[in-house]
Protein backbone atom coordinates (compact mmCIF):
# COMPACT_ATOMS: atom_id res chain seq x y z
CA MET A 1 106.89 67.38 104.29
CA SER A 2 105.95 68.79 101.09
CA ILE A 3 108.42 70.66 98.77
CA LEU A 4 106.06 73.87 99.46
CA ALA A 5 106.28 73.48 103.23
CA LYS A 6 110.04 72.85 103.09
CA ASN A 7 110.47 76.06 101.06
CA ILE A 8 107.86 78.44 102.58
CA LYS A 9 110.40 80.46 104.38
CA TRP A 10 112.29 81.37 101.00
CA ILE A 11 108.98 81.77 99.32
CA MET A 12 107.75 84.20 102.04
CA ILE A 13 110.76 85.93 101.86
CA ILE A 14 111.09 86.46 97.97
CA SER A 15 107.19 87.48 98.25
CA GLY A 16 107.86 89.86 101.03
CA LEU A 17 110.81 91.66 99.41
CA LEU A 18 108.93 91.84 95.90
CA THR A 19 106.12 93.18 97.69
CA CYS A 20 108.12 95.90 99.83
CA THR A 21 109.11 97.35 96.52
CA MET A 22 105.62 99.25 96.46
CA ALA A 23 107.23 101.47 99.05
CA TYR A 24 107.96 103.22 95.68
CA ALA A 25 104.17 104.36 95.67
CA ALA A 26 104.62 105.99 98.96
CA LEU A 27 107.69 108.05 97.91
CA SER A 28 106.76 108.81 94.45
CA PRO A 29 102.93 108.28 93.80
CA GLN A 30 102.72 109.69 90.25
CA ALA A 31 105.59 107.63 88.99
CA ALA A 32 104.15 104.51 90.80
CA LEU A 33 100.70 104.75 89.16
CA ARG A 34 102.33 105.35 85.87
CA SER A 35 104.47 102.23 85.85
CA THR A 36 101.72 100.21 87.35
CA PHE A 37 98.78 101.28 85.47
CA GLY A 38 99.96 103.61 82.77
CA GLU A 39 97.73 106.42 84.24
CA GLU A 40 97.97 109.32 86.51
CA LEU A 41 95.75 110.88 89.25
CA SER A 42 95.93 114.25 90.06
CA GLY A 43 95.37 116.46 93.21
CA PRO A 44 96.34 116.12 96.87
CA VAL A 45 93.70 113.49 97.64
CA ALA A 46 95.30 111.33 94.92
CA ASP A 47 98.69 111.66 96.46
CA ILE A 48 97.33 110.83 99.93
CA VAL A 49 95.55 107.74 98.69
CA VAL A 50 98.34 106.24 96.36
CA ARG A 51 100.85 106.97 99.35
CA ASN A 52 98.51 105.00 101.80
CA TRP A 53 98.23 102.44 99.25
CA GLY A 54 101.97 101.97 98.84
CA VAL A 55 102.42 102.00 102.68
CA LEU A 56 99.84 99.15 103.00
CA ILE A 57 101.25 97.06 100.38
CA THR A 58 104.77 97.65 102.02
CA LEU A 59 103.28 96.53 105.40
CA ILE A 60 101.99 93.20 103.85
CA GLY A 61 105.51 92.54 102.51
CA GLY A 62 106.96 93.29 105.96
CA MET A 63 104.42 90.77 107.40
CA LEU A 64 105.68 88.26 104.88
CA LEU A 65 109.12 88.73 105.99
CA TYR A 66 108.33 88.54 109.54
CA GLY A 67 106.05 85.30 109.03
CA ALA A 68 109.07 83.65 107.33
CA PHE A 69 110.92 83.66 110.48
CA GLU A 70 108.00 83.09 112.70
CA PRO A 71 106.17 79.89 112.01
CA ALA A 72 103.53 80.51 114.56
CA VAL A 73 101.92 83.45 112.33
CA ARG A 74 102.55 82.06 108.91
CA SER A 75 99.15 80.80 108.22
CA LEU A 76 97.47 84.17 109.38
CA VAL A 77 100.16 86.26 107.43
CA LEU A 78 99.53 84.15 104.46
CA ILE A 79 95.69 84.52 104.50
CA VAL A 80 96.32 88.43 105.01
CA ALA A 81 98.71 88.74 102.24
CA GLY A 82 96.79 86.34 99.73
CA THR A 83 93.56 88.03 100.26
CA SER A 84 95.25 91.35 99.49
CA LYS A 85 96.75 89.98 96.50
CA LEU A 86 93.66 88.38 95.49
CA MET A 87 91.85 91.61 95.70
CA PHE A 88 94.29 93.52 93.60
CA VAL A 89 94.11 90.69 91.02
CA ALA A 90 90.12 90.81 90.82
CA LEU A 91 90.35 94.53 90.83
CA VAL A 92 92.42 94.77 87.98
CA LEU A 93 90.93 92.01 86.25
CA SER A 94 87.41 93.68 86.81
CA HIS A 95 88.45 96.22 84.17
CA GLY A 96 89.01 93.63 81.46
CA TRP A 97 92.13 94.25 79.38
CA ARG A 98 92.41 97.99 80.30
CA TYR A 99 95.40 97.43 82.88
CA LEU A 100 96.68 94.36 81.84
CA GLY A 101 99.09 95.82 79.46
CA GLN A 102 100.86 97.77 82.37
CA ALA A 103 100.04 95.68 85.52
CA GLY A 104 99.64 92.22 83.79
CA ILE A 105 102.96 90.91 85.27
CA ALA A 106 101.87 92.08 88.78
CA VAL A 107 98.74 90.50 88.35
CA ALA A 108 100.20 87.30 86.90
CA VAL A 109 102.84 87.03 89.79
CA ASP A 110 100.30 87.87 92.46
CA ALA A 111 97.92 85.12 91.27
CA LEU A 112 100.82 82.83 91.61
CA TRP A 113 101.34 83.79 95.13
CA VAL A 114 97.68 83.42 95.96
CA VAL A 115 97.67 79.96 94.84
CA VAL A 116 100.88 79.15 96.60
CA PHE A 117 99.64 80.83 99.74
CA ALA A 118 96.51 78.98 99.63
CA LEU A 119 98.17 75.71 98.87
CA TYR A 120 100.52 76.16 101.97
CA VAL A 121 97.49 77.13 104.22
CA LEU A 122 95.40 74.27 103.27
CA GLY A 123 98.27 71.91 103.69
CA ALA A 124 99.15 73.28 106.96
CA ARG A 125 95.61 72.87 108.00
CA ASN A 126 95.27 69.25 107.04
CA VAL A 127 98.57 68.42 108.76
CA ALA A 128 97.34 70.22 111.99
CA LYS A 129 93.94 68.14 111.77
CA PHE A 130 95.96 64.85 111.15
CA GLN A 131 98.18 65.49 114.29
CA LEU A 132 95.24 66.37 116.42
CA SER A 133 93.43 63.31 115.45
CA LYS A 134 96.39 61.07 116.66
């Protein structure tokens, strides 16, 4: 068993807890936007969208925590969380350097999680194929 497979529970717990910190955006949307992107959006629609964004990201964190304790759903949870994080990274990078000053750490950490999640899912898939072929 690989080091990654042995530690996936703790990796998912750490990632899940960090991801859940985006509940902050649901509670204080303007402060979350300033701290993440260094900019503000105004109006009631902005508050709705940012609060929803915060809730959805927090749900991804909750899924990671659940998946840490339920091996049967780990691959699905990691695929969903990895896809969400990959889209965040891609969208921020699509703006060049504009948001990397503020969001650079989040982009780097999420990119690392995407790689770790992908390696685990691909490794678990290979193990399952090997076990089925026996």
